Amino acid sequence: MITNGKMMKPTELARLLLKTVNDSISKTLSETGIQKERISKAEAYRLYGRSQVDRWIAEGLFKPVKGRHFISASGIDRVKLEQIAAASNRITYLPVAER
């Protein structure tokens, strides 16, 4: 495949296709109501662990939103949370002694 006059590497093409498939699946699940756009804080804890989610909130990477449209008192944007989890690394971790 050629983009911007350059030949695309197979790994770049594979990444692009994987991202397209994941985005399409997420959009379809959200539109059909199978997967909610927002999840509760408790569900985020179950998916990614309490310490991870609390650390991301403390670092200001996202804020739970309170609203009337959700079963729980707060809602977290699922897509934003998934992006943060995918980009998460151990650089921002505090050693146990510093917590």
PDB file of N, CA and C in Angstrom:
ATOM      1  N   MET A   1       0.842  -1.169   0.000  1.00  0.00           N
ATOM      2  CA  MET A   1       0.000   0.000   0.000  1.00  0.00           C
ATOM      3  C   MET A   1       0.889   1.235   0.000  1.00  0.00           C
ATOM      4  N   ILE A   2       0.497   2.256  -0.757  1.00  0.00           N
ATOM      5  CA  ILE A   2       1.296   3.468  -0.868  1.00  0.00           C
ATOM      6  C   ILE A   2       0.549   4.628  -0.220  1.00  0.00           C
ATOM      7  N   THR A   3       1.222   5.347   0.698  1.00  0.00           N
ATOM      8  CA  THR A   3       0.660   6.540   1.318  1.00  0.00           C
ATOM      9  C   THR A   3       1.694   7.652   1.245  1.00  0.00           C
ATOM     10  N   ASN A   4       1.268   8.832   0.884  1.00  0.00           N
ATOM     11  CA  ASN A   4       2.163   9.988   0.790  1.00  0.00           C
ATOM     12  C   ASN A   4       3.400   9.697  -0.055  1.00  0.00           C
ATOM     13  N   GLY A   5       3.230   8.922  -1.105  1.00  0.00           N
ATOM     14  CA  GLY A   5       4.349   8.619  -1.982  1.00  0.00           C
ATOM     15  C   GLY A   5       5.315   7.578  -1.448  1.00  0.00           C
ATOM     16  N   LYS A   6       5.061   7.021  -0.271  1.00  0.00           N
ATOM     17  CA  LYS A   6       5.938   6.005   0.321  1.00  0.00           C
ATOM     18  C   LYS A   6       5.191   4.683   0.431  1.00  0.00           C
ATOM     19  N   MET A   7       5.957   3.623   0.363  1.00  0.00           N
ATOM     20  CA  MET A   7       5.382   2.291   0.535  1.00  0.00           C
ATOM     21  C   MET A   7       5.179   2.034   2.024  1.00  0.00           C
ATOM     22  N   MET A   8       3.991   1.576   2.402  1.00  0.00           N
ATOM     23  CA  MET A   8       3.686   1.290   3.804  1.00  0.00           C
ATOM     24  C   MET A   8       4.244  -0.079   4.168  1.00  0.00           C
ATOM     25  N   LYS A   9       4.879  -0.148   5.327  1.00  0.00           N
ATOM     26  CA  LYS A   9       5.428  -1.416   5.802  1.00  0.00           C
ATOM     27  C   LYS A   9       4.284  -2.329   6.235  1.00  0.00           C
ATOM     28  N   PRO A  10       4.487  -3.648   6.134  1.00  0.00           N
ATOM     29  CA  PRO A  10       3.429  -4.584   6.543  1.00  0.00           C
ATOM     30  C   PRO A  10       2.994  -4.401   8.001  1.00  0.00           C
ATOM     31  N   THR A  11       3.932  -4.084   8.884  1.00  0.00           N
ATOM     32  CA  THR A  11       3.556  -3.891  10.292  1.00  0.00           C
ATOM     33  C   THR A  11       2.697  -2.651  10.475  1.00  0.00           C
ATOM     34  N   GLU A  12       2.992  -1.582   9.714  1.00  0.00           N
ATOM     35  CA  GLU A  12       2.185  -0.366   9.780  1.00  0.00           C
ATOM     36  C   GLU A  12       0.773  -0.640   9.265  1.00  0.00           C
ATOM     37  N   LEU A  13       0.682  -1.401   8.175  1.00  0.00           N
ATOM     38  CA  LEU A  13      -0.616  -1.755   7.617  1.00  0.00           C
ATOM     39  C   LEU A  13      -1.405  -2.617   8.600  1.00  0.00           C
ATOM     40  N   ALA A  14      -0.736  -3.559   9.231  1.00  0.00           N
ATOM     41  CA  ALA A  14      -1.400  -4.424  10.212  1.00  0.00           C
ATOM     42  C   ALA A  14      -1.924  -3.602  11.384  1.00  0.00           C
ATOM     43  N   ARG A  15      -1.130  -2.643  11.873  1.00  0.00           N
ATOM     44  CA  ARG A  15      -1.566  -1.772  12.982  1.00  0.00           C
ATOM     45  C   ARG A  15      -2.774  -0.942  12.576  1.00  0.00           C
ATOM     46  N   LEU A  16      -2.733  -0.409  11.363  1.00  0.00           N
ATOM     47  CA  LEU A  16      -3.836   0.403  10.856  1.00  0.00           C
ATOM     48  C   LEU A  16      -5.122  -0.421  10.736  1.00  0.00           C
ATOM     49  N   LEU A  17      -4.991  -1.624  10.202  1.00  0.00           N
ATOM     50  CA  LEU A  17      -6.163  -2.499  10.072  1.00  0.00           C
ATOM     51  C   LEU A  17      -6.710  -2.906  11.440  1.00  0.00           C
ATOM     52  N   LEU A  18      -5.841  -3.218  12.381  1.00  0.00           N
ATOM     53  CA  LEU A  18      -6.270  -3.594  13.722  1.00  0.00           C
ATOM     54  C   LEU A  18      -6.990  -2.445  14.414  1.00  0.00           C
ATOM     55  N   LYS A  19      -6.460  -1.236  14.279  1.00  0.00           N
ATOM     56  CA  LYS A  19      -7.107  -0.059  14.874  1.00  0.00           C
ATOM     57  C   LYS A  19      -8.483   0.163  14.243  1.00  0.00           C
ATOM     58  N   THR A  20      -8.565   0.019  12.928  1.00  0.00           N
ATOM     59  CA  THR A  20      -9.836   0.196  12.233  1.00  0.00           C
ATOM     60  C   THR A  20     -10.868  -0.825  12.702  1.00  0.00           C
ATOM     61  N   VAL A  21     -10.461  -2.069  12.829  1.00  0.00           N
ATOM     62  CA  VAL A  21     -11.368  -3.124  13.291  1.00  0.00           C
ATOM     63  C   VAL A  21     -11.820  -2.851  14.728  1.00  0.00           C
ATOM     64  N   ASN A  22     -10.879  -2.507  15.613  1.00  0.00           N
ATOM     65  CA  ASN A  22     -11.237  -2.227  17.009  1.00  0.00           C
ATOM     66  C   ASN A  22     -12.181  -1.043  17.126  1.00  0.00           C
ATOM     67  N   ASP A  23     -11.906   0.026  16.371  1.00  0.00           N
ATOM     68  CA  ASP A  23     -12.781   1.204  16.395  1.00  0.00           C
ATOM     69  C   ASP A  23     -14.176   0.855  15.878  1.00  0.00           C
ATOM     70  N   SER A  24     -14.225   0.076  14.815  1.00  0.00           N
ATOM     71  CA  SER A  24     -15.519  -0.314  14.245  1.00  0.00           C
ATOM     72  C   SER A  24     -16.327  -1.174  15.206  1.00  0.00           C
ATOM     73  N   ILE A  25     -15.665  -2.106  15.858  1.00  0.00           N
ATOM     74  CA  ILE A  25     -16.345  -2.970  16.824  1.00  0.00           C
ATOM     75  C   ILE A  25     -16.872  -2.152  17.989  1.00  0.00           C
ATOM     76  N   SER A  26     -16.052  -1.249  18.523  1.00  0.00           N
ATOM     77  CA  SER A  26     -16.482  -0.410  19.644  1.00  0.00           C
ATOM     78  C   SER A  26     -17.667   0.451  19.263  1.00  0.00           C
ATOM     79  N   LYS A  27     -17.616   1.049  18.078  1.00  0.00           N
ATOM     80  CA  LYS A  27     -18.718   1.901  17.616  1.00  0.00           C
ATOM     81  C   LYS A  27     -20.002   1.095  17.450  1.00  0.00           C
ATOM     82  N   THR A  28     -19.895  -0.083  16.853  1.00  0.00           N
ATOM     83  CA  THR A  28     -21.065  -0.935  16.652  1.00  0.00           C
ATOM     84  C   THR A  28     -21.661  -1.377  17.979  1.00  0.00           C
ATOM     85  N   LEU A  29     -20.826  -1.788  18.920  1.00  0.00           N
ATOM     86  CA  LEU A  29     -21.318  -2.216  20.232  1.00  0.00           C
ATOM     87  C   LEU A  29     -21.987  -1.068  20.981  1.00  0.00           C
ATOM     88  N   SER A  30     -21.444   0.129  20.867  1.00  0.00           N
ATOM     89  CA  SER A  30     -22.038   1.292  21.528  1.00  0.00           C
ATOM     90  C   SER A  30     -23.370   1.668  20.896  1.00  0.00           C
ATOM     91  N   GLU A  31     -23.417   1.661  19.561  1.00  0.00           N
ATOM     92  CA  GLU A  31     -24.639   2.055  18.860  1.00  0.00           C
ATOM     93  C   GLU A  31     -25.781   1.071  19.079  1.00  0.00           C
ATOM     94  N   THR A  32     -25.459  -0.195  19.235  1.00  0.00           N
ATOM     95  CA  THR A  32     -26.508  -1.194  19.441  1.00  0.00           C
ATOM     96  C   THR A  32     -26.908  -1.321  20.906  1.00  0.00           C
ATOM     97  N   GLY A  33     -26.170  -0.666  21.781  1.00  0.00           N
ATOM     98  CA  GLY A  33     -26.494  -0.715  23.197  1.00  0.00           C
ATOM     99  C   GLY A  33     -25.934  -1.928  23.918  1.00  0.00           C
ATOM    100  N   ILE A  34     -25.170  -2.736  23.231  1.00  0.00           N
ATOM    101  CA  ILE A  34     -24.565  -3.916  23.851  1.00  0.00           C
ATOM    102  C   ILE A  34     -23.480  -3.490  24.828  1.00  0.00           C
ATOM    103  N   GLN A  35     -22.733  -2.470  24.444  1.00  0.00           N
ATOM    104  CA  GLN A  35     -21.663  -1.949  25.292  1.00  0.00           C
ATOM    105  C   GLN A  35     -21.968  -0.480  25.559  1.00  0.00           C
ATOM    106  N   LYS A  36     -22.007  -0.113  26.825  1.00  0.00           N
ATOM    107  CA  LYS A  36     -22.322   1.257  27.202  1.00  0.00           C
ATOM    108  C   LYS A  36     -21.146   2.177  26.913  1.00  0.00           C
ATOM    109  N   GLU A  37     -21.463   3.463  26.619  1.00  0.00           N
ATOM    110  CA  GLU A  37     -20.412   4.447  26.386  1.00  0.00           C
ATOM    111  C   GLU A  37     -19.726   4.817  27.689  1.00  0.00           C
ATOM    112  N   ARG A  38     -20.459   4.746  28.783  1.00  0.00           N
ATOM    113  CA  ARG A  38     -19.912   5.084  30.097  1.00  0.00           C
ATOM    114  C   ARG A  38     -20.058   3.883  31.018  1.00  0.00           C
ATOM    115  N   ILE A  39     -19.074   3.729  31.883  1.00  0.00           N
ATOM    116  CA  ILE A  39     -19.125   2.640  32.855  1.00  0.00           C
ATOM    117  C   ILE A  39     -18.996   3.235  34.251  1.00  0.00           C
ATOM    118  N   SER A  40     -19.394   2.474  35.226  1.00  0.00           N
ATOM    119  CA  SER A  40     -19.283   2.938  36.609  1.00  0.00           C
ATOM    120  C   SER A  40     -17.838   2.803  37.080  1.00  0.00           C
ATOM    121  N   LYS A  41     -17.545   3.487  38.159  1.00  0.00           N
ATOM    122  CA  LYS A  41     -16.205   3.409  38.741  1.00  0.00           C
ATOM    123  C   LYS A  41     -15.921   1.984  39.219  1.00  0.00           C
ATOM    124  N   ALA A  42     -16.945   1.324  39.764  1.00  0.00           N
ATOM    125  CA  ALA A  42     -16.777  -0.056  40.234  1.00  0.00           C
ATOM    126  C   ALA A  42     -16.414  -0.988  39.081  1.00  0.00           C
ATOM    127  N   GLU A  43     -17.045  -0.773  37.921  1.00  0.00           N
ATOM    128  CA  GLU A  43     -16.729  -1.610  36.765  1.00  0.00           C
ATOM    129  C   GLU A  43     -15.307  -1.331  36.261  1.00  0.00           C
ATOM    130  N   ALA A  44     -14.895  -0.064  36.313  1.00  0.00           N
ATOM    131  CA  ALA A  44     -13.524   0.286  35.928  1.00  0.00           C
ATOM    132  C   ALA A  44     -12.526  -0.397  36.861  1.00  0.00           C
ATOM    133  N   TYR A  45     -12.860  -0.430  38.158  1.00  0.00           N
ATOM    134  CA  TYR A  45     -12.006  -1.129  39.126  1.00  0.00           C
ATOM    135  C   TYR A  45     -11.880  -2.607  38.761  1.00  0.00           C
ATOM    136  N   ARG A  46     -12.991  -3.235  38.400  1.00  0.00           N
ATOM    137  CA  ARG A  46     -12.967  -4.659  38.045  1.00  0.00           C
ATOM    138  C   ARG A  46     -12.130  -4.907  36.795  1.00  0.00           C
ATOM    139  N   LEU A  47     -12.213  -3.986  35.824  1.00  0.00           N
ATOM    140  CA  LEU A  47     -11.500  -4.177  34.564  1.00  0.00           C
ATOM    141  C   LEU A  47      -9.997  -3.912  34.674  1.00  0.00           C
ATOM    142  N   TYR A  48      -9.627  -2.855  35.412  1.00  0.00           N
ATOM    143  CA  TYR A  48      -8.229  -2.415  35.401  1.00  0.00           C
ATOM    144  C   TYR A  48      -7.556  -2.403  36.762  1.00  0.00           C
ATOM    145  N   GLY A  49      -8.298  -2.661  37.815  1.00  0.00           N
ATOM    146  CA  GLY A  49      -7.727  -2.667  39.158  1.00  0.00           C
ATOM    147  C   GLY A  49      -7.910  -1.324  39.850  1.00  0.00           C
ATOM    148  N   ARG A  50      -8.237  -1.398  41.129  1.00  0.00           N
ATOM    149  CA  ARG A  50      -8.514  -0.186  41.908  1.00  0.00           C
ATOM    150  C   ARG A  50      -7.324   0.765  41.930  1.00  0.00           C
ATOM    151  N   SER A  51      -6.129   0.241  42.160  1.00  0.00           N
ATOM    152  CA  SER A  51      -4.958   1.122  42.276  1.00  0.00           C
ATOM    153  C   SER A  51      -4.662   1.828  40.959  1.00  0.00           C
ATOM    154  N   GLN A  52      -4.823   1.126  39.842  1.00  0.00           N
ATOM    155  CA  GLN A  52      -4.597   1.735  38.529  1.00  0.00           C
ATOM    156  C   GLN A  52      -5.564   2.885  38.297  1.00  0.00           C
ATOM    157  N   VAL A  53      -6.854   2.615  38.471  1.00  0.00           N
ATOM    158  CA  VAL A  53      -7.889   3.614  38.204  1.00  0.00           C
ATOM    159  C   VAL A  53      -7.719   4.813  39.134  1.00  0.00           C
ATOM    160  N   ASP A  54      -7.482   4.558  40.423  1.00  0.00           N
ATOM    161  CA  ASP A  54      -7.274   5.656  41.367  1.00  0.00           C
ATOM    162  C   ASP A  54      -6.036   6.479  41.009  1.00  0.00           C
ATOM    163  N   ARG A  55      -4.990   5.822  40.536  1.00  0.00           N
ATOM    164  CA  ARG A  55      -3.768   6.533  40.135  1.00  0.00           C
ATOM    165  C   ARG A  55      -4.043   7.419  38.927  1.00  0.00           C
ATOM    166  N   TRP A  56      -4.787   6.903  37.944  1.00  0.00           N
ATOM    167  CA  TRP A  56      -5.115   7.694  36.760  1.00  0.00           C
ATOM    168  C   TRP A  56      -5.959   8.910  37.121  1.00  0.00           C
ATOM    169  N   ILE A  57      -6.887   8.737  38.062  1.00  0.00           N
ATOM    170  CA  ILE A  57      -7.709   9.863  38.511  1.00  0.00           C
ATOM    171  C   ILE A  57      -6.835  10.886  39.230  1.00  0.00           C
ATOM    172  N   ALA A  58      -5.953  10.411  40.129  1.00  0.00           N
ATOM    173  CA  ALA A  58      -5.063  11.310  40.880  1.00  0.00           C
ATOM    174  C   ALA A  58      -4.131  12.082  39.949  1.00  0.00           C
ATOM    175  N   GLU A  59      -3.711  11.456  38.865  1.00  0.00           N
ATOM    176  CA  GLU A  59      -2.827  12.116  37.904  1.00  0.00           C
ATOM    177  C   GLU A  59      -3.589  13.051  36.969  1.00  0.00           C
ATOM    178  N   GLY A  60      -4.922  13.052  37.069  1.00  0.00           N
ATOM    179  CA  GLY A  60      -5.738  13.941  36.247  1.00  0.00           C
ATOM    180  C   GLY A  60      -5.911  13.472  34.812  1.00  0.00           C
ATOM    181  N   LEU A  61      -5.686  12.188  34.559  1.00  0.00           N
ATOM    182  CA  LEU A  61      -5.843  11.675  33.201  1.00  0.00           C
ATOM    183  C   LEU A  61      -7.310  11.636  32.783  1.00  0.00           C
ATOM    184  N   PHE A  62      -8.206  11.472  33.731  1.00  0.00           N
ATOM    185  CA  PHE A  62      -9.640  11.572  33.479  1.00  0.00           C
ATOM    186  C   PHE A  62     -10.346  11.830  34.800  1.00  0.00           C
ATOM    187  N   LYS A  63     -11.585  12.285  34.703  1.00  0.00           N
ATOM    188  CA  LYS A  63     -12.398  12.521  35.890  1.00  0.00           C
ATOM    189  C   LYS A  63     -13.727  11.812  35.710  1.00  0.00           C
ATOM    190  N   PRO A  64     -14.168  11.081  36.723  1.00  0.00           N
ATOM    191  CA  PRO A  64     -15.504  10.489  36.647  1.00  0.00           C
ATOM    192  C   PRO A  64     -16.539  11.613  36.580  1.00  0.00           C
ATOM    193  N   VAL A  65     -17.561  11.423  35.763  1.00  0.00           N
ATOM    194  CA  VAL A  65     -18.588  12.438  35.568  1.00  0.00           C
ATOM    195  C   VAL A  65     -19.856  12.012  36.288  1.00  0.00           C
ATOM    196  N   LYS A  66     -20.414  12.908  37.074  1.00  0.00           N
ATOM    197  CA  LYS A  66     -21.686  12.606  37.728  1.00  0.00           C
ATOM    198  C   LYS A  66     -22.806  13.046  36.803  1.00  0.00           C
ATOM    199  N   GLY A  67     -23.829  12.221  36.709  1.00  0.00           N
ATOM    200  CA  GLY A  67     -24.945  12.564  35.839  1.00  0.00           C
ATOM    201  C   GLY A  67     -26.172  11.748  36.145  1.00  0.00           C
ATOM    202  N   ARG A  68     -27.271  12.196  35.591  1.00  0.00           N
ATOM    203  CA  ARG A  68     -28.554  11.525  35.816  1.00  0.00           C
ATOM    204  C   ARG A  68     -28.767  10.346  34.872  1.00  0.00           C
ATOM    205  N   HIS A  69     -27.989  10.301  33.807  1.00  0.00           N
ATOM    206  CA  HIS A  69     -28.220   9.302  32.764  1.00  0.00           C
ATOM    207  C   HIS A  69     -27.624   7.936  33.071  1.00  0.00           C
ATOM    208  N   PHE A  70     -26.933   7.818  34.183  1.00  0.00           N
ATOM    209  CA  PHE A  70     -26.232   6.574  34.465  1.00  0.00           C
ATOM    210  C   PHE A  70     -26.827   5.906  35.692  1.00  0.00           C
ATOM    211  N   ILE A  71     -26.729   4.603  35.735  1.00  0.00           N
ATOM    212  CA  ILE A  71     -27.237   3.853  36.874  1.00  0.00           C
ATOM    213  C   ILE A  71     -26.473   4.217  38.134  1.00  0.00           C
ATOM    214  N   SER A  72     -25.152   4.320  38.017  1.00  0.00           N
ATOM    215  CA  SER A  72     -24.360   4.709  39.184  1.00  0.00           C
ATOM    216  C   SER A  72     -24.254   6.230  39.225  1.00  0.00           C
ATOM    217  N   ALA A  73     -23.783   6.741  40.351  1.00  0.00           N
ATOM    218  CA  ALA A  73     -23.681   8.194  40.519  1.00  0.00           C
ATOM    219  C   ALA A  73     -22.601   8.815  39.640  1.00  0.00           C
ATOM    220  N   SER A  74     -21.638   8.030  39.218  1.00  0.00           N
ATOM    221  CA  SER A  74     -20.591   8.580  38.354  1.00  0.00           C
ATOM    222  C   SER A  74     -20.428   7.705  37.129  1.00  0.00           C
ATOM    223  N   GLY A  75     -20.005   8.315  36.046  1.00  0.00           N
ATOM    224  CA  GLY A  75     -19.767   7.565  34.820  1.00  0.00           C
ATOM    225  C   GLY A  75     -18.394   7.893  34.281  1.00  0.00           C
ATOM    226  N   ILE A  76     -17.761   6.914  33.690  1.00  0.00           N
ATOM    227  CA  ILE A  76     -16.438   7.082  33.116  1.00  0.00           C
ATOM    228  C   ILE A  76     -16.544   6.746  31.634  1.00  0.00           C
ATOM    229  N   ASP A  77     -16.002   7.614  30.804  1.00  0.00           N
ATOM    230  CA  ASP A  77     -16.001   7.397  29.360  1.00  0.00           C
ATOM    231  C   ASP A  77     -15.172   6.147  29.059  1.00  0.00           C
ATOM    232  N   ARG A  78     -15.831   5.125  28.528  1.00  0.00           N
ATOM    233  CA  ARG A  78     -15.173   3.840  28.279  1.00  0.00           C
ATOM    234  C   ARG A  78     -14.018   3.976  27.294  1.00  0.00           C
ATOM    235  N   VAL A  79     -14.209   4.725  26.220  1.00  0.00           N
ATOM    236  CA  VAL A  79     -13.171   4.869  25.201  1.00  0.00           C
ATOM    237  C   VAL A  79     -11.947   5.564  25.781  1.00  0.00           C
ATOM    238  N   LYS A  80     -12.165   6.637  26.540  1.00  0.00           N
ATOM    239  CA  LYS A  80     -11.053   7.363  27.170  1.00  0.00           C
ATOM    240  C   LYS A  80     -10.299   6.448  28.128  1.00  0.00           C
ATOM    241  N   LEU A  81     -11.040   5.671  28.912  1.00  0.00           N
ATOM    242  CA  LEU A  81     -10.412   4.755  29.865  1.00  0.00           C
ATOM    243  C   LEU A  81      -9.579   3.698  29.140  1.00  0.00           C
ATOM    244  N   GLU A  82     -10.100   3.162  28.043  1.00  0.00           N
ATOM    245  CA  GLU A  82      -9.365   2.163  27.271  1.00  0.00           C
ATOM    246  C   GLU A  82      -8.095   2.760  26.666  1.00  0.00           C
ATOM    247  N   GLN A  83      -8.176   4.020  26.217  1.00  0.00           N
ATOM    248  CA  GLN A  83      -6.992   4.683  25.667  1.00  0.00           C
ATOM    249  C   GLN A  83      -5.932   4.881  26.744  1.00  0.00           C
ATOM    250  N   ILE A  84      -6.362   5.295  27.923  1.00  0.00           N
ATOM    251  CA  ILE A  84      -5.420   5.497  29.027  1.00  0.00           C
ATOM    252  C   ILE A  84      -4.773   4.171  29.407  1.00  0.00           C
ATOM    253  N   ALA A  85      -5.583   3.113  29.489  1.00  0.00           N
ATOM    254  CA  ALA A  85      -5.046   1.796  29.854  1.00  0.00           C
ATOM    255  C   ALA A  85      -4.046   1.303  28.807  1.00  0.00           C
ATOM    256  N   ALA A  86      -4.334   1.543  27.531  1.00  0.00           N
ATOM    257  CA  ALA A  86      -3.435   1.099  26.468  1.00  0.00           C
ATOM    258  C   ALA A  86      -2.118   1.862  26.493  1.00  0.00           C
ATOM    259  N   ALA A  87      -2.176   3.132  26.891  1.00  0.00           N
ATOM    260  CA  ALA A  87      -0.971   3.963  26.909  1.00  0.00           C
ATOM    261  C   ALA A  87      -0.257   3.923  28.255  1.00  0.00           C
ATOM    262  N   SER A  88      -0.846   3.252  29.227  1.00  0.00           N
ATOM    263  CA  SER A  88      -0.281   3.235  30.578  1.00  0.00           C
ATOM    264  C   SER A  88       1.061   2.533  30.593  1.00  0.00           C
ATOM    265  N   ASN A  89       1.964   3.122  31.366  1.00  0.00           N
ATOM    266  CA  ASN A  89       3.270   2.499  31.534  1.00  0.00           C
ATOM    267  C   ASN A  89       3.709   2.670  32.973  1.00  0.00           C
ATOM    268  N   ARG A  90       4.804   2.087  33.327  1.00  0.00           N
ATOM    269  CA  ARG A  90       5.252   2.093  34.718  1.00  0.00           C
ATOM    270  C   ARG A  90       6.100   3.313  35.076  1.00  0.00           C
ATOM    271  N   ILE A  91       6.296   4.235  34.177  1.00  0.00           N
ATOM    272  CA  ILE A  91       7.110   5.416  34.452  1.00  0.00           C
ATOM    273  C   ILE A  91       6.480   6.272  35.549  1.00  0.00           C
ATOM    274  N   THR A  92       5.142   6.358  35.568  1.00  0.00           N
ATOM    275  CA  THR A  92       4.470   7.235  36.526  1.00  0.00           C
ATOM    276  C   THR A  92       4.169   6.552  37.842  1.00  0.00           C
ATOM    277  N   TYR A  93       4.542   5.306  38.012  1.00  0.00           N
ATOM    278  CA  TYR A  93       4.286   4.601  39.254  1.00  0.00           C
ATOM    279  C   TYR A  93       5.153   5.158  40.377  1.00  0.00           C
ATOM    280  N   LEU A  94       4.601   5.214  41.548  1.00  0.00           N
ATOM    281  CA  LEU A  94       5.383   5.587  42.729  1.00  0.00           C
ATOM    282  C   LEU A  94       5.867   4.324  43.425  1.00  0.00           C
ATOM    283  N   PRO A  95       7.091   4.302  43.905  1.00  0.00           N
ATOM    284  CA  PRO A  95       7.542   3.156  44.677  1.00  0.00           C
ATOM    285  C   PRO A  95       6.686   3.003  45.936  1.00  0.00           C
ATOM    286  N   VAL A  96       6.580   1.813  46.445  1.00  0.00           N
ATOM    287  CA  VAL A  96       5.743   1.532  47.616  1.00  0.00           C
ATOM    288  C   VAL A  96       6.103   2.452  48.779  1.00  0.00           C
ATOM    289  N   ALA A  97       7.380   2.713  48.992  1.00  0.00           N
ATOM    290  CA  ALA A  97       7.818   3.546  50.099  1.00  0.00           C
ATOM    291  C   ALA A  97       7.324   4.983  49.989  1.00  0.00           C
ATOM    292  N   GLU A  98       7.057   5.466  48.757  1.00  0.00           N
ATOM    293  CA  GLU A  98       6.631   6.845  48.551  1.00  0.00           C
ATOM    294  C   GLU A  98       5.121   7.013  48.541  1.00  0.00           C
ATOM    295  N   ARG A  99       4.345   5.932  48.581  1.00  0.00           N
ATOM    296  CA  ARG A  99       2.880   6.041  48.511  1.00  0.00           C
ATOM    297  C   ARG A  99       2.281   6.561  49.746  1.00  0.00           C
TER     298      ARG A  99
END
